Protein backbone atom coordinates (compact mmCIF):
# COMPACT_ATOMS: atom_id res chain seq x y z
CA UNK A 1 0.00 0.00 0.00
CA UNK A 2 1.14 3.53 -0.55
CA UNK A 3 2.45 5.70 2.26
CA UNK A 4 -0.91 7.51 2.16
CA UNK A 5 -3.05 4.68 3.40
CA UNK A 6 -3.59 1.22 4.80
CA UNK A 7 -5.51 -1.77 3.54
CA UNK A 8 -8.56 -2.88 5.48
CA UNK A 9 -6.48 -5.66 7.04
CA UNK A 10 -3.83 -3.18 8.17
CA UNK A 11 -6.50 -0.81 9.48
CA UNK A 12 -8.13 -3.70 11.33
CA UNK A 13 -4.84 -4.65 12.94
CA UNK A 14 -3.97 -1.04 13.84
CA UNK A 15 -7.41 -0.29 15.32
CA UNK A 16 -8.31 -3.65 16.86
CA UNK A 17 -11.59 -3.65 14.90
CA UNK A 18 -12.03 -6.61 12.56
CA UNK A 19 -12.52 -6.04 8.84
CA UNK A 20 -16.12 -7.28 8.88
CA UNK A 21 -17.03 -4.71 11.54
CA UNK A 22 -15.18 -1.97 9.66
CA UNK A 23 -17.29 -2.70 6.56
CA UNK A 24 -20.44 -2.76 8.73
CA UNK A 25 -19.58 0.57 10.37
CA UNK A 26 -19.08 2.05 6.91
CA UNK A 27 -22.40 0.64 5.67
CA UNK A 28 -24.37 2.29 8.50
CA UNK A 29 -22.47 5.58 8.24
CA UNK A 30 -20.76 5.31 11.61
CA UNK A 31 -17.45 5.89 9.89
CA UNK A 32 -17.01 7.43 6.45
CA UNK A 33 -16.53 5.09 3.52
CA UNK A 34 -12.86 4.56 2.84
CA UNK A 35 -11.25 5.82 -0.31
CA UNK A 36 -10.49 3.27 -2.99
CA UNK A 37 -7.42 2.44 -5.02
CA UNK A 38 -7.64 2.20 -8.80
CA UNK A 39 -8.04 -1.54 -8.29
CA UNK A 40 -11.01 -0.96 -5.95
CA UNK A 41 -9.34 -1.79 -2.62
CA UNK A 42 -10.30 0.22 0.43
CA UNK A 43 -7.61 2.60 1.70
CA UNK A 44 -7.65 3.94 5.27
CA UNK A 45 -5.84 6.97 6.65
CA UNK A 46 -4.44 7.25 10.15
CA UNK A 47 -7.37 9.57 10.95
CA UNK A 48 -9.87 6.87 10.01
CA UNK A 49 -7.95 4.38 12.15
CA UNK A 50 -8.22 6.84 15.07
CA UNK A 51 -12.00 6.97 14.55
CA UNK A 52 -12.09 3.16 14.58
CA UNK A 53 -10.17 3.10 17.86
CA UNK A 54 -12.60 5.67 19.29
CA UNK A 55 -15.56 3.54 18.21
CA UNK A 56 -13.99 0.38 19.62
CA UNK A 57 -13.43 2.01 23.02
CA UNK A 58 -16.97 3.37 23.06
CA UNK A 59 -18.31 -0.13 22.27
CA UNK A 60 -16.17 -1.54 25.09
CA UNK A 61 -17.95 0.87 27.43
CA UNK A 62 -21.30 -0.40 26.17
CA UNK A 63 -22.43 2.66 24.21
CA UNK A 64 -25.08 1.98 21.56
CA UNK A 65 -24.31 2.63 17.91
CA UNK A 66 -26.65 5.65 18.02
CA UNK A 67 -24.82 7.14 20.98
CA UNK A 68 -21.47 6.42 19.37
CA UNK A 69 -22.61 8.32 16.28
CA UNK A 70 -23.42 11.25 18.54
CA UNK A 71 -20.09 10.96 20.37
CA UNK A 72 -18.08 10.77 17.14
CA UNK A 73 -19.87 13.89 15.93
CA UNK A 74 -19.13 15.69 19.19
CA UNK A 75 -15.50 14.52 19.16
CA UNK A 76 -15.01 15.88 15.67
CA UNK A 77 -16.83 19.15 16.43
CA UNK A 78 -14.23 21.42 18.02
CA UNK A 79 -16.94 23.94 18.95
CA UNK A 80 -18.92 21.40 20.99
CA UNK A 81 -19.65 21.98 24.64
CA UNK A 82 -18.41 19.38 27.07
CA UNK A 83 -21.86 19.52 28.69
CA UNK A 84 -23.29 17.71 25.65
CA UNK A 85 -20.71 14.94 25.96
CA UNK A 86 -21.33 14.65 29.69
CA UNK A 87 -25.10 14.38 29.10
CA UNK A 88 -24.59 11.50 26.65
CA UNK A 89 -22.31 9.72 29.12
CA UNK A 90 -24.67 10.22 32.08
CA UNK A 91 -27.67 9.02 30.06
CA UNK A 92 -25.68 5.87 29.36
CA UNK A 93 -24.74 5.53 33.03
CA UNK A 94 -28.43 5.72 33.98
CA UNK A 95 -29.24 2.93 31.52
CA UNK A 96 -26.35 0.81 32.82
CA UNK A 97 -27.51 1.29 36.41
CA UNK A 98 -31.07 0.30 35.48
CA UNK A 99 -29.72 -2.80 33.74
CA UNK A 100 -27.58 -3.62 36.81
CA UNK A 101 -30.66 -3.35 39.03
CA UNK A 102 -32.60 -5.60 36.66
CA UNK A 103 -29.78 -8.17 36.63
CA UNK A 104 -29.55 -8.00 40.44
CA UNK A 105 -33.28 -8.69 40.74
CA UNK A 106 -33.00 -11.68 38.37
CA UNK A 107 -30.03 -12.99 40.34
CA UNK A 108 -31.84 -12.58 43.67
CA UNK A 109 -34.95 -14.38 42.37
CA UNK A 110 -32.87 -17.26 41.03
CA UNK A 111 -30.94 -17.51 44.30
CA UNK A 112 -34.23 -17.75 46.23
CA UNK A 113 -35.58 -20.37 43.86
CA UNK A 114 -32.34 -22.37 43.94
CA UNK A 115 -32.34 -22.21 47.75
CA UNK A 116 -35.91 -23.54 47.81
CA UNK A 117 -35.04 -26.40 45.47
CA UNK A 118 -34.01 -29.54 47.33
CA UNK A 119 -31.53 -30.48 44.61
CA UNK A 120 -31.98 -34.17 45.28
CA UNK A 121 -33.59 -37.14 43.55
CA UNK A 122 -37.13 -35.80 44.00
CA UNK A 123 -38.80 -34.40 40.87
CA UNK A 124 -40.38 -31.41 42.63
CA UNK A 125 -38.48 -28.26 41.68
CA UNK A 126 -39.53 -24.66 42.45
CA UNK A 127 -37.21 -23.38 39.70
CA UNK A 128 -39.04 -25.28 36.95
CA UNK A 129 -42.41 -24.49 38.50
CA UNK A 130 -41.62 -20.77 38.47
CA UNK A 131 -40.55 -20.92 34.82
CA UNK A 132 -43.69 -22.88 33.92
CA UNK A 133 -45.96 -20.39 35.65
CA UNK A 134 -44.22 -17.30 34.34
CA UNK A 135 -42.97 -16.19 37.73
CA UNK A 136 -46.45 -15.57 39.07
CA UNK A 137 -46.35 -17.94 42.01
CA UNK A 138 -43.66 -19.45 44.19
CA UNK A 139 -45.99 -21.93 45.96
CA UNK A 140 -45.11 -20.73 49.41
CA UNK A 141 -41.44 -20.22 48.62
CA UNK A 142 -40.19 -16.85 49.78
CA UNK A 143 -38.84 -15.62 46.45
CA UNK A 144 -39.65 -11.95 46.81
CA UNK A 145 -43.03 -11.99 45.02
C-alpha atoms as a PDB file:
ATOM      1  CA  UNK A   1       0.000   0.000   0.000  1.00  0.00           C
ATOM      2  CA  UNK A   2       1.144   3.530  -0.547  1.00  0.00           C
ATOM      3  CA  UNK A   3       2.445   5.702   2.265  1.00  0.00           C
ATOM      4  CA  UNK A   4      -0.913   7.509   2.159  1.00  0.00           C
ATOM      5  CA  UNK A   5      -3.048   4.675   3.401  1.00  0.00           C
ATOM      6  CA  UNK A   6      -3.594   1.219   4.797  1.00  0.00           C
ATOM      7  CA  UNK A   7      -5.509  -1.773   3.541  1.00  0.00           C
ATOM      8  CA  UNK A   8      -8.560  -2.880   5.480  1.00  0.00           C
ATOM      9  CA  UNK A   9      -6.475  -5.660   7.035  1.00  0.00           C
ATOM     10  CA  UNK A  10      -3.830  -3.183   8.166  1.00  0.00           C
ATOM     11  CA  UNK A  11      -6.503  -0.809   9.476  1.00  0.00           C
ATOM     12  CA  UNK A  12      -8.128  -3.698  11.331  1.00  0.00           C
ATOM     13  CA  UNK A  13      -4.838  -4.649  12.945  1.00  0.00           C
ATOM     14  CA  UNK A  14      -3.972  -1.043  13.835  1.00  0.00           C
ATOM     15  CA  UNK A  15      -7.411  -0.294  15.318  1.00  0.00           C
ATOM     16  CA  UNK A  16      -8.306  -3.646  16.856  1.00  0.00           C
ATOM     17  CA  UNK A  17     -11.593  -3.654  14.904  1.00  0.00           C
ATOM     18  CA  UNK A  18     -12.026  -6.608  12.560  1.00  0.00           C
ATOM     19  CA  UNK A  19     -12.518  -6.036   8.840  1.00  0.00           C
ATOM     20  CA  UNK A  20     -16.118  -7.283   8.881  1.00  0.00           C
ATOM     21  CA  UNK A  21     -17.033  -4.713  11.545  1.00  0.00           C
ATOM     22  CA  UNK A  22     -15.184  -1.974   9.662  1.00  0.00           C
ATOM     23  CA  UNK A  23     -17.291  -2.696   6.565  1.00  0.00           C
ATOM     24  CA  UNK A  24     -20.439  -2.764   8.731  1.00  0.00           C
ATOM     25  CA  UNK A  25     -19.583   0.572  10.373  1.00  0.00           C
ATOM     26  CA  UNK A  26     -19.082   2.055   6.910  1.00  0.00           C
ATOM     27  CA  UNK A  27     -22.397   0.641   5.670  1.00  0.00           C
ATOM     28  CA  UNK A  28     -24.368   2.293   8.500  1.00  0.00           C
ATOM     29  CA  UNK A  29     -22.473   5.580   8.236  1.00  0.00           C
ATOM     30  CA  UNK A  30     -20.760   5.311  11.613  1.00  0.00           C
ATOM     31  CA  UNK A  31     -17.447   5.886   9.892  1.00  0.00           C
ATOM     32  CA  UNK A  32     -17.013   7.427   6.448  1.00  0.00           C
ATOM     33  CA  UNK A  33     -16.528   5.088   3.520  1.00  0.00           C
ATOM     34  CA  UNK A  34     -12.863   4.564   2.837  1.00  0.00           C
ATOM     35  CA  UNK A  35     -11.250   5.817  -0.313  1.00  0.00           C
ATOM     36  CA  UNK A  36     -10.490   3.265  -2.994  1.00  0.00           C
ATOM     37  CA  UNK A  37      -7.417   2.442  -5.019  1.00  0.00           C
ATOM     38  CA  UNK A  38      -7.637   2.201  -8.798  1.00  0.00           C
ATOM     39  CA  UNK A  39      -8.045  -1.544  -8.291  1.00  0.00           C
ATOM     40  CA  UNK A  40     -11.009  -0.958  -5.952  1.00  0.00           C
ATOM     41  CA  UNK A  41      -9.345  -1.789  -2.620  1.00  0.00           C
ATOM     42  CA  UNK A  42     -10.297   0.223   0.430  1.00  0.00           C
ATOM     43  CA  UNK A  43      -7.613   2.604   1.701  1.00  0.00           C
ATOM     44  CA  UNK A  44      -7.654   3.940   5.272  1.00  0.00           C
ATOM     45  CA  UNK A  45      -5.835   6.967   6.648  1.00  0.00           C
ATOM     46  CA  UNK A  46      -4.444   7.250  10.149  1.00  0.00           C
ATOM     47  CA  UNK A  47      -7.366   9.571  10.952  1.00  0.00           C
ATOM     48  CA  UNK A  48      -9.866   6.869  10.009  1.00  0.00           C
ATOM     49  CA  UNK A  49      -7.954   4.380  12.155  1.00  0.00           C
ATOM     50  CA  UNK A  50      -8.220   6.838  15.066  1.00  0.00           C
ATOM     51  CA  UNK A  51     -11.999   6.968  14.553  1.00  0.00           C
ATOM     52  CA  UNK A  52     -12.089   3.160  14.578  1.00  0.00           C
ATOM     53  CA  UNK A  53     -10.168   3.097  17.864  1.00  0.00           C
ATOM     54  CA  UNK A  54     -12.599   5.671  19.291  1.00  0.00           C
ATOM     55  CA  UNK A  55     -15.560   3.537  18.208  1.00  0.00           C
ATOM     56  CA  UNK A  56     -13.989   0.378  19.621  1.00  0.00           C
ATOM     57  CA  UNK A  57     -13.426   2.008  23.021  1.00  0.00           C
ATOM     58  CA  UNK A  58     -16.973   3.368  23.061  1.00  0.00           C
ATOM     59  CA  UNK A  59     -18.314  -0.128  22.270  1.00  0.00           C
ATOM     60  CA  UNK A  60     -16.166  -1.539  25.086  1.00  0.00           C
ATOM     61  CA  UNK A  61     -17.946   0.875  27.427  1.00  0.00           C
ATOM     62  CA  UNK A  62     -21.296  -0.398  26.166  1.00  0.00           C
ATOM     63  CA  UNK A  63     -22.428   2.655  24.213  1.00  0.00           C
ATOM     64  CA  UNK A  64     -25.077   1.978  21.563  1.00  0.00           C
ATOM     65  CA  UNK A  65     -24.313   2.629  17.907  1.00  0.00           C
ATOM     66  CA  UNK A  66     -26.651   5.648  18.015  1.00  0.00           C
ATOM     67  CA  UNK A  67     -24.822   7.140  20.979  1.00  0.00           C
ATOM     68  CA  UNK A  68     -21.473   6.416  19.371  1.00  0.00           C
ATOM     69  CA  UNK A  69     -22.608   8.324  16.277  1.00  0.00           C
ATOM     70  CA  UNK A  70     -23.420  11.251  18.544  1.00  0.00           C
ATOM     71  CA  UNK A  71     -20.087  10.962  20.366  1.00  0.00           C
ATOM     72  CA  UNK A  72     -18.077  10.770  17.136  1.00  0.00           C
ATOM     73  CA  UNK A  73     -19.874  13.891  15.931  1.00  0.00           C
ATOM     74  CA  UNK A  74     -19.128  15.691  19.194  1.00  0.00           C
ATOM     75  CA  UNK A  75     -15.502  14.516  19.163  1.00  0.00           C
ATOM     76  CA  UNK A  76     -15.005  15.880  15.673  1.00  0.00           C
ATOM     77  CA  UNK A  77     -16.827  19.153  16.428  1.00  0.00           C
ATOM     78  CA  UNK A  78     -14.232  21.422  18.015  1.00  0.00           C
ATOM     79  CA  UNK A  79     -16.944  23.945  18.949  1.00  0.00           C
ATOM     80  CA  UNK A  80     -18.920  21.401  20.995  1.00  0.00           C
ATOM     81  CA  UNK A  81     -19.654  21.976  24.637  1.00  0.00           C
ATOM     82  CA  UNK A  82     -18.405  19.377  27.071  1.00  0.00           C
ATOM     83  CA  UNK A  83     -21.858  19.520  28.689  1.00  0.00           C
ATOM     84  CA  UNK A  84     -23.291  17.710  25.653  1.00  0.00           C
ATOM     85  CA  UNK A  85     -20.706  14.944  25.964  1.00  0.00           C
ATOM     86  CA  UNK A  86     -21.334  14.650  29.692  1.00  0.00           C
ATOM     87  CA  UNK A  87     -25.097  14.379  29.099  1.00  0.00           C
ATOM     88  CA  UNK A  88     -24.595  11.496  26.645  1.00  0.00           C
ATOM     89  CA  UNK A  89     -22.307   9.720  29.123  1.00  0.00           C
ATOM     90  CA  UNK A  90     -24.666  10.220  32.076  1.00  0.00           C
ATOM     91  CA  UNK A  91     -27.670   9.021  30.058  1.00  0.00           C
ATOM     92  CA  UNK A  92     -25.682   5.865  29.356  1.00  0.00           C
ATOM     93  CA  UNK A  93     -24.738   5.528  33.033  1.00  0.00           C
ATOM     94  CA  UNK A  94     -28.427   5.716  33.978  1.00  0.00           C
ATOM     95  CA  UNK A  95     -29.242   2.926  31.516  1.00  0.00           C
ATOM     96  CA  UNK A  96     -26.353   0.810  32.816  1.00  0.00           C
ATOM     97  CA  UNK A  97     -27.509   1.286  36.414  1.00  0.00           C
ATOM     98  CA  UNK A  98     -31.074   0.301  35.480  1.00  0.00           C
ATOM     99  CA  UNK A  99     -29.722  -2.804  33.745  1.00  0.00           C
ATOM    100  CA  UNK A 100     -27.578  -3.623  36.805  1.00  0.00           C
ATOM    101  CA  UNK A 101     -30.658  -3.347  39.032  1.00  0.00           C
ATOM    102  CA  UNK A 102     -32.603  -5.605  36.658  1.00  0.00           C
ATOM    103  CA  UNK A 103     -29.784  -8.168  36.631  1.00  0.00           C
ATOM    104  CA  UNK A 104     -29.552  -8.005  40.443  1.00  0.00           C
ATOM    105  CA  UNK A 105     -33.284  -8.689  40.736  1.00  0.00           C
ATOM    106  CA  UNK A 106     -32.995 -11.677  38.372  1.00  0.00           C
ATOM    107  CA  UNK A 107     -30.029 -12.991  40.336  1.00  0.00           C
ATOM    108  CA  UNK A 108     -31.836 -12.578  43.667  1.00  0.00           C
ATOM    109  CA  UNK A 109     -34.945 -14.379  42.366  1.00  0.00           C
ATOM    110  CA  UNK A 110     -32.875 -17.261  41.027  1.00  0.00           C
ATOM    111  CA  UNK A 111     -30.942 -17.513  44.300  1.00  0.00           C
ATOM    112  CA  UNK A 112     -34.227 -17.749  46.231  1.00  0.00           C
ATOM    113  CA  UNK A 113     -35.584 -20.366  43.862  1.00  0.00           C
ATOM    114  CA  UNK A 114     -32.343 -22.372  43.943  1.00  0.00           C
ATOM    115  CA  UNK A 115     -32.337 -22.205  47.751  1.00  0.00           C
ATOM    116  CA  UNK A 116     -35.913 -23.542  47.805  1.00  0.00           C
ATOM    117  CA  UNK A 117     -35.037 -26.402  45.465  1.00  0.00           C
ATOM    118  CA  UNK A 118     -34.012 -29.543  47.335  1.00  0.00           C
ATOM    119  CA  UNK A 119     -31.535 -30.479  44.612  1.00  0.00           C
ATOM    120  CA  UNK A 120     -31.975 -34.169  45.279  1.00  0.00           C
ATOM    121  CA  UNK A 121     -33.595 -37.139  43.548  1.00  0.00           C
ATOM    122  CA  UNK A 122     -37.133 -35.800  44.005  1.00  0.00           C
ATOM    123  CA  UNK A 123     -38.803 -34.400  40.874  1.00  0.00           C
ATOM    124  CA  UNK A 124     -40.379 -31.411  42.631  1.00  0.00           C
ATOM    125  CA  UNK A 125     -38.477 -28.258  41.679  1.00  0.00           C
ATOM    126  CA  UNK A 126     -39.526 -24.665  42.446  1.00  0.00           C
ATOM    127  CA  UNK A 127     -37.208 -23.376  39.697  1.00  0.00           C
ATOM    128  CA  UNK A 128     -39.036 -25.281  36.950  1.00  0.00           C
ATOM    129  CA  UNK A 129     -42.412 -24.492  38.503  1.00  0.00           C
ATOM    130  CA  UNK A 130     -41.624 -20.774  38.472  1.00  0.00           C
ATOM    131  CA  UNK A 131     -40.551 -20.922  34.821  1.00  0.00           C
ATOM    132  CA  UNK A 132     -43.686 -22.875  33.916  1.00  0.00           C
ATOM    133  CA  UNK A 133     -45.962 -20.394  35.652  1.00  0.00           C
ATOM    134  CA  UNK A 134     -44.217 -17.301  34.335  1.00  0.00           C
ATOM    135  CA  UNK A 135     -42.973 -16.187  37.732  1.00  0.00           C
ATOM    136  CA  UNK A 136     -46.450 -15.575  39.070  1.00  0.00           C
ATOM    137  CA  UNK A 137     -46.349 -17.941  42.009  1.00  0.00           C
ATOM    138  CA  UNK A 138     -43.657 -19.451  44.191  1.00  0.00           C
ATOM    139  CA  UNK A 139     -45.991 -21.932  45.958  1.00  0.00           C
ATOM    140  CA  UNK A 140     -45.111 -20.735  49.406  1.00  0.00           C
ATOM    141  CA  UNK A 141     -41.444 -20.221  48.622  1.00  0.00           C
ATOM    142  CA  UNK A 142     -40.189 -16.853  49.778  1.00  0.00           C
ATOM    143  CA  UNK A 143     -38.841 -15.623  46.451  1.00  0.00           C
ATOM    144  CA  UNK A 144     -39.649 -11.955  46.806  1.00  0.00           C
ATOM    145  CA  UNK A 145     -43.033 -11.994  45.021  1.00  0.00           C
END
